[in-house]
Amino acid sequence: MALSDQLTKLAARAKELEDRAAASKTKGKSDLEQDVKNARESAQAQADSLRKTAQAGHSQISAWWDGVQRSWDSNVASIRKNVDDRKAAHDRKSADRAASQADDDAAFAIDYAYAALEEAEYAVLDAELAHMEADELADA
């Protein structure tokens, strides 16, 4: 898939997420719990797919990206454990703190994704420049 097509797919997915987040405000608890379960499974499947892609084509990606993937996996595992631990809280004060922490985690995840988009832009443009430079050398 061309890099521009991947970016289009990413933009469409971001819009989908925006729409689903807005719609979540009007859903019932059981529907939202199912959406959360589905989103977690989807995120895990995407992470597994990315990991397999990185492992299969390890020689085609930089060691830096491999490190990023490993760090991401570790951070996601930690966040999910924290979420699971918070769900065990039963009193109102704990639930309010857990909700506030979930808001902070979501805001940070969005900021992290935004930074990843910035990095993706750099990588796409750098790849295009590398192709251009290779073409110039081939013509010389």
C-alpha atoms as a PDB file:
ATOM      1  CA  MET A   1       0.000   0.000   0.000  1.00  0.00           C
ATOM      2  CA  ALA A   2       1.370   3.433  -0.920  1.00  0.00           C
ATOM      3  CA  LEU A   3       2.328   5.695   1.948  1.00  0.00           C
ATOM      4  CA  SER A   4      -0.293   8.260   0.895  1.00  0.00           C
ATOM      5  CA  ASP A   5      -2.944   5.520   0.996  1.00  0.00           C
ATOM      6  CA  GLN A   6      -1.817   4.544   4.482  1.00  0.00           C
ATOM      7  CA  LEU A   7      -2.173   8.168   5.589  1.00  0.00           C
ATOM      8  CA  THR A   8      -5.671   8.326   4.089  1.00  0.00           C
ATOM      9  CA  LYS A   9      -6.588   5.156   5.966  1.00  0.00           C
ATOM     10  CA  LEU A  10      -5.178   6.670   9.171  1.00  0.00           C
ATOM     11  CA  ALA A  11      -7.202   9.875   8.722  1.00  0.00           C
ATOM     12  CA  ALA A  12     -10.378   7.873   8.133  1.00  0.00           C
ATOM     13  CA  ARG A  13      -9.707   5.828  11.271  1.00  0.00           C
ATOM     14  CA  ALA A  14      -9.175   9.008  13.308  1.00  0.00           C
ATOM     15  CA  LYS A  15     -12.530  10.360  12.062  1.00  0.00           C
ATOM     16  CA  GLU A  16     -14.173   7.042  12.947  1.00  0.00           C
ATOM     17  CA  LEU A  17     -12.735   7.293  16.460  1.00  0.00           C
ATOM     18  CA  GLU A  18     -13.961  10.875  16.806  1.00  0.00           C
ATOM     19  CA  ASP A  19     -17.489   9.829  15.807  1.00  0.00           C
ATOM     20  CA  ARG A  20     -17.497   6.815  18.148  1.00  0.00           C
ATOM     21  CA  ALA A  21     -16.227   8.904  21.066  1.00  0.00           C
ATOM     22  CA  ALA A  22     -18.997  11.450  20.509  1.00  0.00           C
ATOM     23  CA  ALA A  23     -21.616   8.694  20.236  1.00  0.00           C
ATOM     24  CA  SER A  24     -20.391   7.090  23.475  1.00  0.00           C
ATOM     25  CA  LYS A  25     -21.925   9.978  25.453  1.00  0.00           C
ATOM     26  CA  THR A  26     -25.438   8.780  24.559  1.00  0.00           C
ATOM     27  CA  LYS A  27     -24.961   5.043  25.054  1.00  0.00           C
ATOM     28  CA  GLY A  28     -26.105   2.920  27.929  1.00  0.00           C
ATOM     29  CA  LYS A  29     -23.590   1.354  30.278  1.00  0.00           C
ATOM     30  CA  SER A  30     -23.839  -2.183  28.893  1.00  0.00           C
ATOM     31  CA  ASP A  31     -23.444  -0.953  25.302  1.00  0.00           C
ATOM     32  CA  LEU A  32     -20.454   1.149  26.314  1.00  0.00           C
ATOM     33  CA  GLU A  33     -18.918  -1.769  28.206  1.00  0.00           C
ATOM     34  CA  GLN A  34     -19.212  -3.865  25.043  1.00  0.00           C
ATOM     35  CA  ASP A  35     -17.655  -1.055  22.981  1.00  0.00           C
ATOM     36  CA  VAL A  36     -14.768  -0.858  25.468  1.00  0.00           C
ATOM     37  CA  LYS A  37     -14.258  -4.625  25.235  1.00  0.00           C
ATOM     38  CA  ASN A  38     -14.339  -4.506  21.430  1.00  0.00           C
ATOM     39  CA  ALA A  39     -11.948  -1.541  21.306  1.00  0.00           C
ATOM     40  CA  ARG A  40      -9.499  -3.299  23.608  1.00  0.00           C
ATOM     41  CA  GLU A  41      -9.618  -6.466  21.498  1.00  0.00           C
ATOM     42  CA  SER A  42      -9.188  -4.437  18.309  1.00  0.00           C
ATOM     43  CA  ALA A  43      -6.238  -2.521  19.769  1.00  0.00           C
ATOM     44  CA  GLN A  44      -4.633  -5.786  20.851  1.00  0.00           C
ATOM     45  CA  ALA A  45      -5.176  -7.340  17.418  1.00  0.00           C
ATOM     46  CA  GLN A  46      -3.636  -4.269  15.755  1.00  0.00           C
ATOM     47  CA  ALA A  47      -0.645  -4.395  18.121  1.00  0.00           C
ATOM     48  CA  ASP A  48      -0.207  -8.124  17.439  1.00  0.00           C
ATOM     49  CA  SER A  49      -0.390  -7.521  13.702  1.00  0.00           C
ATOM     50  CA  LEU A  50       2.134  -4.698  13.908  1.00  0.00           C
ATOM     51  CA  ARG A  51       4.460  -6.850  15.993  1.00  0.00           C
ATOM     52  CA  LYS A  52       4.236  -9.704  13.461  1.00  0.00           C
ATOM     53  CA  THR A  53       4.886  -7.309  10.591  1.00  0.00           C
ATOM     54  CA  ALA A  54       7.896  -5.861  12.383  1.00  0.00           C
ATOM     55  CA  GLN A  55       9.259  -9.329  13.175  1.00  0.00           C
ATOM     56  CA  ALA A  56       8.699 -10.645   9.664  1.00  0.00           C
ATOM     57  CA  GLY A  57      10.376  -7.689   8.014  1.00  0.00           C
ATOM     58  CA  HIS A  58      12.786  -6.904  10.842  1.00  0.00           C
ATOM     59  CA  SER A  59      15.634  -6.201   8.431  1.00  0.00           C
ATOM     60  CA  GLN A  60      13.444  -3.637   6.652  1.00  0.00           C
ATOM     61  CA  ILE A  61      12.802  -1.420   9.663  1.00  0.00           C
ATOM     62  CA  SER A  62      15.309   0.372  11.799  1.00  0.00           C
ATOM     63  CA  ALA A  63      16.340  -0.863  15.208  1.00  0.00           C
ATOM     64  CA  TRP A  64      14.918   2.372  16.575  1.00  0.00           C
ATOM     65  CA  TRP A  65      11.396   1.401  15.471  1.00  0.00           C
ATOM     66  CA  ASP A  66      11.887  -2.032  17.010  1.00  0.00           C
ATOM     67  CA  GLY A  67      12.707  -0.312  20.296  1.00  0.00           C
ATOM     68  CA  VAL A  68       9.657   1.922  19.960  1.00  0.00           C
ATOM     69  CA  GLN A  69       7.480  -1.173  19.458  1.00  0.00           C
ATOM     70  CA  ARG A  70       8.910  -2.868  22.536  1.00  0.00           C
ATOM     71  CA  SER A  71       8.449   0.287  24.613  1.00  0.00           C
ATOM     72  CA  TRP A  72       4.883   0.647  23.320  1.00  0.00           C
ATOM     73  CA  ASP A  73       4.078  -2.949  24.272  1.00  0.00           C
ATOM     74  CA  SER A  74       5.438  -2.406  27.767  1.00  0.00           C
ATOM     75  CA  ASN A  75       3.525   0.853  28.230  1.00  0.00           C
ATOM     76  CA  VAL A  76       0.266  -0.620  26.968  1.00  0.00           C
ATOM     77  CA  ALA A  77       0.594  -3.585  29.326  1.00  0.00           C
ATOM     78  CA  SER A  78       1.177  -1.203  32.232  1.00  0.00           C
ATOM     79  CA  ILE A  79      -1.774   1.003  31.299  1.00  0.00           C
ATOM     80  CA  ARG A  80      -4.095  -1.973  30.911  1.00  0.00           C
ATOM     81  CA  LYS A  81      -3.042  -3.350  34.307  1.00  0.00           C
ATOM     82  CA  ASN A  82      -3.737   0.059  35.823  1.00  0.00           C
ATOM     83  CA  VAL A  83      -7.172   0.155  34.162  1.00  0.00           C
ATOM     84  CA  ASP A  84      -7.973  -3.337  35.406  1.00  0.00           C
ATOM     85  CA  ASP A  85      -6.834  -2.432  38.920  1.00  0.00           C
ATOM     86  CA  ARG A  86      -9.003   0.705  38.920  1.00  0.00           C
ATOM     87  CA  LYS A  87     -12.048  -1.332  37.940  1.00  0.00           C
ATOM     88  CA  ALA A  88     -11.680  -3.206  41.219  1.00  0.00           C
ATOM     89  CA  ALA A  89     -12.385   0.001  43.203  1.00  0.00           C
ATOM     90  CA  HIS A  90     -15.890   0.112  44.627  1.00  0.00           C
ATOM     91  CA  ASP A  91     -16.418   3.341  46.565  1.00  0.00           C
ATOM     92  CA  ARG A  92     -17.517   6.640  44.991  1.00  0.00           C
ATOM     93  CA  LYS A  93     -14.332   8.536  45.852  1.00  0.00           C
ATOM     94  CA  SER A  94     -12.173   5.818  44.297  1.00  0.00           C
ATOM     95  CA  ALA A  95     -14.458   5.668  41.274  1.00  0.00           C
ATOM     96  CA  ASP A  96     -14.182   9.461  40.812  1.00  0.00           C
ATOM     97  CA  ARG A  97     -10.377   9.284  41.059  1.00  0.00           C
ATOM     98  CA  ALA A  98     -10.361   6.373  38.593  1.00  0.00           C
ATOM     99  CA  ALA A  99     -12.547   8.343  36.160  1.00  0.00           C
ATOM    100  CA  SER A 100     -10.264  11.368  36.430  1.00  0.00           C
ATOM    101  CA  GLN A 101      -7.216   9.175  35.870  1.00  0.00           C
ATOM    102  CA  ALA A 102      -8.939   7.558  32.866  1.00  0.00           C
ATOM    103  CA  ASP A 103      -9.527  11.061  31.433  1.00  0.00           C
ATOM    104  CA  ASP A 104      -5.857  11.913  31.928  1.00  0.00           C
ATOM    105  CA  ASP A 105      -4.791   8.608  30.345  1.00  0.00           C
ATOM    106  CA  ALA A 106      -7.063   9.197  27.354  1.00  0.00           C
ATOM    107  CA  ALA A 107      -5.752  12.752  26.902  1.00  0.00           C
ATOM    108  CA  PHE A 108      -2.174  11.501  27.032  1.00  0.00           C
ATOM    109  CA  ALA A 109      -2.964   8.686  24.565  1.00  0.00           C
ATOM    110  CA  ILE A 110      -4.382  11.279  22.167  1.00  0.00           C
ATOM    111  CA  ASP A 111      -1.267  13.457  22.590  1.00  0.00           C
ATOM    112  CA  TYR A 112       0.903  10.391  22.025  1.00  0.00           C
ATOM    113  CA  ALA A 113      -1.029   9.500  18.881  1.00  0.00           C
ATOM    114  CA  TYR A 114      -0.651  13.089  17.656  1.00  0.00           C
ATOM    115  CA  ALA A 115       3.103  12.856  18.183  1.00  0.00           C
ATOM    116  CA  ALA A 116       3.084   9.549  16.297  1.00  0.00           C
ATOM    117  CA  LEU A 117       1.304  11.296  13.414  1.00  0.00           C
ATOM    118  CA  GLU A 118       3.972  13.988  13.395  1.00  0.00           C
ATOM    119  CA  GLU A 119       6.622  11.269  13.285  1.00  0.00           C
ATOM    120  CA  ALA A 120       4.720   9.518  10.497  1.00  0.00           C
ATOM    121  CA  GLU A 121       4.681  12.739   8.478  1.00  0.00           C
ATOM    122  CA  TYR A 122       8.428  13.095   8.911  1.00  0.00           C
ATOM    123  CA  ALA A 123       8.995   9.435   7.953  1.00  0.00           C
ATOM    124  CA  VAL A 124       6.788   9.684   4.838  1.00  0.00           C
ATOM    125  CA  LEU A 125       8.462  12.875   3.640  1.00  0.00           C
ATOM    126  CA  ASP A 126      11.910  11.487   4.417  1.00  0.00           C
ATOM    127  CA  ALA A 127      11.101   8.321   2.448  1.00  0.00           C
ATOM    128  CA  GLU A 128       9.985  10.408  -0.527  1.00  0.00           C
ATOM    129  CA  LEU A 129      13.200  12.452  -0.332  1.00  0.00           C
ATOM    130  CA  ALA A 130      15.256   9.240  -0.195  1.00  0.00           C
ATOM    131  CA  HIS A 131      13.520   8.001  -3.367  1.00  0.00           C
ATOM    132  CA  MET A 132      14.167  11.340  -5.071  1.00  0.00           C
ATOM    133  CA  GLU A 133      17.843  11.250  -4.126  1.00  0.00           C
ATOM    134  CA  ALA A 134      18.157   7.642  -5.335  1.00  0.00           C
ATOM    135  CA  ASP A 135      16.579   8.628  -8.661  1.00  0.00           C
ATOM    136  CA  GLU A 136      18.999  11.533  -8.991  1.00  0.00           C
ATOM    137  CA  LEU A 137      21.952   9.217  -8.398  1.00  0.00           C
ATOM    138  CA  ALA A 138      20.590   6.739 -10.927  1.00  0.00           C
ATOM    139  CA  ASP A 139      20.302   9.509 -13.529  1.00  0.00           C
ATOM    140  CA  ALA A 140      23.818  10.803 -12.850  1.00  0.00           C
END
